[in-house]
Amino acid sequence: MAHGAATRRNIAENVKRVRDEIAEAAHRSDRRPEEIVLMAVTKTRTPEEVDAVIEAGVAFIGENRVQEAEQKRPLVNNRADWHLVGHLQRNKAKLAVELFSMIQSLDSVRLAEKLTQYGDTAHPVDVLVEVNTSGEESKFGAAPDRAHDLVGAARGLGGLRLRGLMTVGLFSGEERQVRRCFETLGKVRDDLRSAYPDLVLDILSMGMTNDFRWAIAEGSTMVRIGTAIFGPRP
């Protein structure tokens, strides 16, 4: 195992602890823990660490970069659903569709048009629309007031299946400010459901190591956890 990599025992213990914290946060919000999917984000982690987290019962793996996943996936023995959670450049769209069961970072009509080339009615590309709820220029995603236009355009394309929304909360310890980001995503989803009753939009992917408890309180259905499972990146 690579220097600095987490051990299998550490990973299994951390997964259990995170699941317990997810359950606690869910109960505090009168939700069922089963409503919230745990995704392990494996950016910079070794194939051995990915295998270990899958063995610990995590069925969803999130990667930030297409090329890193391309190199890593063949070396991972255990099966899981791999999702792209980082920014996707259009010239890597075809490879991303081959590698990932879902693209969580659809952020433009042009990317939607590119992705639709690689899906069809029988085998659509599952996507989440990324919304920049914090307003930070360093982050990707459609502005909340532009998400409607993006969803409307993507909905009209064949080969895509819109499953929900994704966001990255404000990187802050101020609970009210961070929760406002997650609350905004929920409101955007509710508005979209009203406008497009045919869309299910059942996934709200929001919440990471520092803020997943707040995200659960605001309705998250999928939390993307890296550091709390694997420890700080080596």
Protein backbone atom coordinates (compact mmCIF):
# COMPACT_ATOMS: atom_id res chain seq x y z
CA MET A 1 0.00 0.00 0.00
CA ALA A 2 1.25 3.47 -0.88
CA HIS A 3 2.88 5.60 1.75
CA GLY A 4 0.27 7.59 3.66
CA ALA A 5 -2.62 5.40 2.52
CA ALA A 6 -5.32 4.54 5.05
CA THR A 7 -5.44 0.92 6.21
CA ARG A 8 -8.42 -1.35 5.56
CA ARG A 9 -9.26 -1.39 9.27
CA ASN A 10 -9.11 2.41 9.49
CA ILE A 11 -11.34 2.77 6.48
CA ALA A 12 -13.90 0.25 7.76
CA GLU A 13 -14.00 1.96 11.17
CA ASN A 14 -14.34 5.38 9.58
CA VAL A 15 -17.14 4.23 7.30
CA LYS A 16 -19.05 2.90 10.29
CA ARG A 17 -18.55 6.16 12.18
CA VAL A 18 -19.71 8.24 9.22
CA ARG A 19 -22.78 6.03 8.80
CA ASP A 20 -23.59 6.48 12.48
CA GLU A 21 -23.28 10.26 12.11
CA ILE A 22 -25.50 10.19 9.00
CA ALA A 23 -28.11 8.24 10.96
CA GLU A 24 -27.91 10.66 13.87
CA ALA A 25 -28.30 13.68 11.58
CA ALA A 26 -31.23 12.01 9.80
CA HIS A 27 -33.06 11.24 13.05
CA ARG A 28 -32.61 14.83 14.23
CA SER A 29 -34.39 15.95 11.06
CA ASP A 30 -37.13 13.31 11.30
CA ARG A 31 -35.72 11.50 8.29
CA ARG A 32 -34.82 7.87 7.72
CA PRO A 33 -31.08 7.13 7.40
CA GLU A 34 -31.86 4.88 4.41
CA GLU A 35 -32.89 8.00 2.47
CA ILE A 36 -29.27 9.18 2.39
CA VAL A 37 -26.67 7.53 0.17
CA LEU A 38 -23.03 7.56 1.26
CA MET A 39 -20.56 8.18 -1.54
CA ALA A 40 -16.81 7.83 -0.96
CA VAL A 41 -14.82 10.48 -2.82
CA THR A 42 -11.53 8.89 -3.83
CA LYS A 43 -9.56 11.72 -5.42
CA THR A 44 -5.80 10.92 -5.03
CA ARG A 45 -6.62 7.67 -3.19
CA THR A 46 -5.01 4.38 -4.19
CA PRO A 47 -6.85 1.48 -5.85
CA GLU A 48 -6.26 -0.48 -2.63
CA GLU A 49 -8.06 2.20 -0.64
CA VAL A 50 -10.95 2.17 -3.12
CA ASP A 51 -11.21 -1.61 -2.80
CA ALA A 52 -11.19 -1.28 0.98
CA VAL A 53 -14.00 1.26 1.07
CA ILE A 54 -16.14 -0.90 -1.23
CA GLU A 55 -15.44 -3.89 1.02
CA ALA A 56 -16.65 -1.73 3.92
CA GLY A 57 -20.04 -1.53 2.22
CA VAL A 58 -19.86 1.72 0.27
CA ALA A 59 -21.49 1.16 -3.12
CA PHE A 60 -20.82 4.56 -4.70
CA ILE A 61 -17.43 5.99 -5.63
CA GLY A 62 -16.94 9.64 -6.61
CA GLU A 63 -13.97 10.79 -8.67
CA ASN A 64 -13.05 14.36 -9.56
CA ARG A 65 -11.00 13.75 -12.69
CA VAL A 66 -11.71 11.62 -15.72
CA GLN A 67 -8.06 10.77 -16.33
CA GLU A 68 -7.44 9.68 -12.75
CA ALA A 69 -10.47 7.38 -12.90
CA GLU A 70 -9.29 5.98 -16.23
CA GLN A 71 -6.00 4.96 -14.64
CA LYS A 72 -7.45 3.76 -11.36
CA ARG A 73 -10.58 1.80 -12.29
CA PRO A 74 -8.82 -1.15 -13.98
CA LEU A 75 -6.81 -1.66 -10.78
CA VAL A 76 -9.88 -1.79 -8.51
CA ASN A 77 -11.14 -5.34 -8.05
CA ASN A 78 -14.49 -4.69 -6.36
CA ARG A 79 -17.60 -3.48 -8.15
CA ALA A 80 -19.26 -0.15 -7.42
CA ASP A 81 -21.12 2.67 -9.14
CA TRP A 82 -18.62 5.32 -10.18
CA HIS A 83 -19.82 8.93 -10.47
CA LEU A 84 -17.94 11.94 -11.81
CA VAL A 85 -18.24 14.72 -9.23
CA GLY A 86 -15.66 17.13 -10.66
CA HIS A 87 -15.78 19.53 -13.59
CA LEU A 88 -16.07 17.86 -16.98
CA GLN A 89 -14.44 19.32 -20.08
CA ARG A 90 -16.36 18.64 -23.27
CA ASN A 91 -13.39 16.93 -24.95
CA LYS A 92 -13.50 14.25 -22.22
CA ALA A 93 -17.25 13.67 -22.43
CA LYS A 94 -17.07 10.38 -24.37
CA LEU A 95 -14.53 8.87 -21.98
CA ALA A 96 -16.53 10.09 -18.98
CA VAL A 97 -19.67 8.35 -20.23
CA GLU A 98 -17.67 5.12 -20.66
CA LEU A 99 -16.20 5.32 -17.15
CA PHE A 100 -19.03 6.66 -15.01
CA SER A 101 -22.61 5.60 -14.39
CA MET A 102 -23.53 9.20 -13.60
CA ILE A 103 -22.15 12.66 -14.36
CA GLN A 104 -22.91 14.88 -11.37
CA SER A 105 -21.41 18.04 -12.86
CA LEU A 106 -23.57 19.04 -15.82
CA ASP A 107 -23.10 22.81 -15.80
CA SER A 108 -23.82 24.09 -19.31
CA VAL A 109 -26.03 23.56 -22.34
CA ARG A 110 -22.94 22.96 -24.48
CA LEU A 111 -21.84 20.12 -22.23
CA ALA A 112 -25.37 18.68 -22.30
CA GLU A 113 -25.31 18.77 -26.09
CA LYS A 114 -21.96 16.96 -26.10
CA LEU A 115 -23.06 14.29 -23.62
CA THR A 116 -26.24 13.54 -25.53
CA GLN A 117 -24.11 12.29 -28.43
CA TYR A 118 -23.14 9.30 -26.29
CA GLY A 119 -26.55 8.26 -24.99
CA ASP A 120 -29.86 7.17 -26.45
CA THR A 121 -33.38 6.39 -25.30
CA ALA A 122 -32.45 2.85 -24.32
CA HIS A 123 -29.21 3.83 -22.61
CA PRO A 124 -29.44 7.46 -21.50
CA VAL A 125 -26.60 9.27 -19.76
CA ASP A 126 -27.62 9.87 -16.13
CA VAL A 127 -26.75 13.40 -15.02
CA LEU A 128 -27.15 15.82 -12.16
CA VAL A 129 -27.22 19.53 -12.86
CA GLU A 130 -24.54 21.31 -10.85
CA VAL A 131 -25.76 24.53 -9.25
CA ASN A 132 -23.40 27.15 -7.82
CA THR A 133 -25.37 28.00 -4.70
CA SER A 134 -22.55 29.87 -2.95
CA GLY A 135 -21.99 32.40 -5.71
CA GLU A 136 -18.23 31.89 -5.52
CA GLU A 137 -16.49 32.54 -8.83
CA SER A 138 -14.00 29.74 -8.15
CA LYS A 139 -16.79 27.16 -8.32
CA PHE A 140 -18.43 25.63 -11.35
CA GLY A 141 -22.16 25.23 -11.82
CA ALA A 142 -25.13 27.16 -13.11
CA ALA A 143 -26.34 30.09 -11.04
CA PRO A 144 -29.60 29.22 -9.23
CA ASP A 145 -31.58 31.56 -11.48
CA ARG A 146 -30.06 29.95 -14.60
CA ALA A 147 -30.61 26.33 -13.58
CA HIS A 148 -34.15 26.45 -14.95
CA ASP A 149 -32.87 27.36 -18.44
CA LEU A 150 -30.22 24.62 -18.32
CA VAL A 151 -32.69 21.96 -17.22
CA GLY A 152 -35.19 23.08 -19.85
CA ALA A 153 -32.59 22.80 -22.60
CA ALA A 154 -31.17 19.48 -21.35
CA ARG A 155 -34.66 18.03 -20.96
CA GLY A 156 -35.27 18.58 -24.65
CA LEU A 157 -32.21 16.58 -25.68
CA GLY A 158 -32.43 12.88 -26.34
CA GLY A 159 -29.98 10.60 -24.61
CA LEU A 160 -29.89 12.38 -21.24
CA ARG A 161 -31.76 11.46 -18.06
CA LEU A 162 -31.92 14.26 -15.50
CA ARG A 163 -31.84 12.68 -12.05
CA GLY A 164 -31.42 15.67 -9.76
CA LEU A 165 -29.08 18.42 -8.63
CA MET A 166 -25.64 18.75 -7.09
CA THR A 167 -23.89 21.57 -5.24
CA VAL A 168 -20.79 22.34 -3.20
CA GLY A 169 -21.59 24.37 -0.11
CA LEU A 170 -19.77 27.50 0.94
CA PHE A 171 -16.48 26.50 2.58
CA SER A 172 -17.19 28.10 5.94
CA GLY A 173 -17.79 27.20 9.54
CA GLU A 174 -20.80 29.50 9.64
CA GLU A 175 -23.71 27.07 9.79
CA ARG A 176 -26.34 29.56 8.67
CA GLN A 177 -24.39 30.57 5.55
CA VAL A 178 -23.59 27.00 4.58
CA ARG A 179 -27.12 25.77 5.16
CA ARG A 180 -28.43 28.59 3.00
CA CYS A 181 -26.57 27.02 0.06
CA PHE A 182 -28.26 23.68 0.66
CA GLU A 183 -31.63 25.29 1.25
CA THR A 184 -31.24 27.08 -2.09
CA LEU A 185 -30.63 23.80 -3.90
CA GLY A 186 -33.80 22.34 -2.41
CA LYS A 187 -35.80 25.35 -3.54
CA VAL A 188 -34.37 25.13 -7.05
CA ARG A 189 -35.35 21.44 -7.17
CA ASP A 190 -38.88 22.22 -5.96
CA ASP A 191 -39.29 24.95 -8.58
CA LEU A 192 -38.05 22.61 -11.31
CA ARG A 193 -40.46 19.88 -10.23
CA SER A 194 -43.33 22.35 -10.49
CA ALA A 195 -42.21 23.49 -13.93
CA TYR A 196 -41.47 19.99 -15.25
CA PRO A 197 -43.76 17.45 -13.54
CA ASP A 198 -42.35 14.69 -15.77
CA LEU A 199 -38.92 15.00 -14.12
CA VAL A 200 -38.41 12.99 -10.95
CA LEU A 201 -35.26 14.82 -9.76
CA ASP A 202 -34.99 12.53 -6.75
CA ILE A 203 -31.29 13.14 -6.02
CA LEU A 204 -29.92 16.09 -4.08
CA SER A 205 -26.15 15.51 -3.95
CA MET A 206 -24.85 17.88 -1.29
CA GLY A 207 -22.72 17.69 1.81
CA MET A 208 -19.07 16.80 2.32
CA THR A 209 -16.92 15.96 5.34
CA ASN A 210 -17.22 19.39 6.96
CA ASP A 211 -20.89 20.05 6.33
CA PHE A 212 -22.79 16.84 5.56
CA ARG A 213 -24.82 17.03 8.79
CA TRP A 214 -26.17 20.44 7.76
CA ALA A 215 -26.83 19.15 4.25
CA ILE A 216 -28.88 16.25 5.64
CA ALA A 217 -30.93 18.71 7.68
CA GLU A 218 -31.71 20.53 4.42
CA GLY A 219 -32.77 17.41 2.52
CA SER A 220 -29.62 15.88 1.03
CA THR A 221 -30.11 12.42 -0.43
CA MET A 222 -26.41 11.81 -1.20
CA VAL A 223 -23.36 12.95 0.76
CA ARG A 224 -19.88 12.90 -0.78
CA ILE A 225 -17.31 12.04 1.87
CA GLY A 226 -13.54 11.84 1.45
CA THR A 227 -11.47 13.03 4.40
CA ALA A 228 -13.74 11.59 7.11
CA ILE A 229 -13.27 8.16 5.55
CA PHE A 230 -9.66 8.20 4.36
CA GLY A 231 -8.09 10.90 6.53
CA PRO A 232 -6.19 13.92 5.15
CA ARG A 233 -4.77 13.48 1.67
CA PRO A 234 -1.14 12.32 1.68
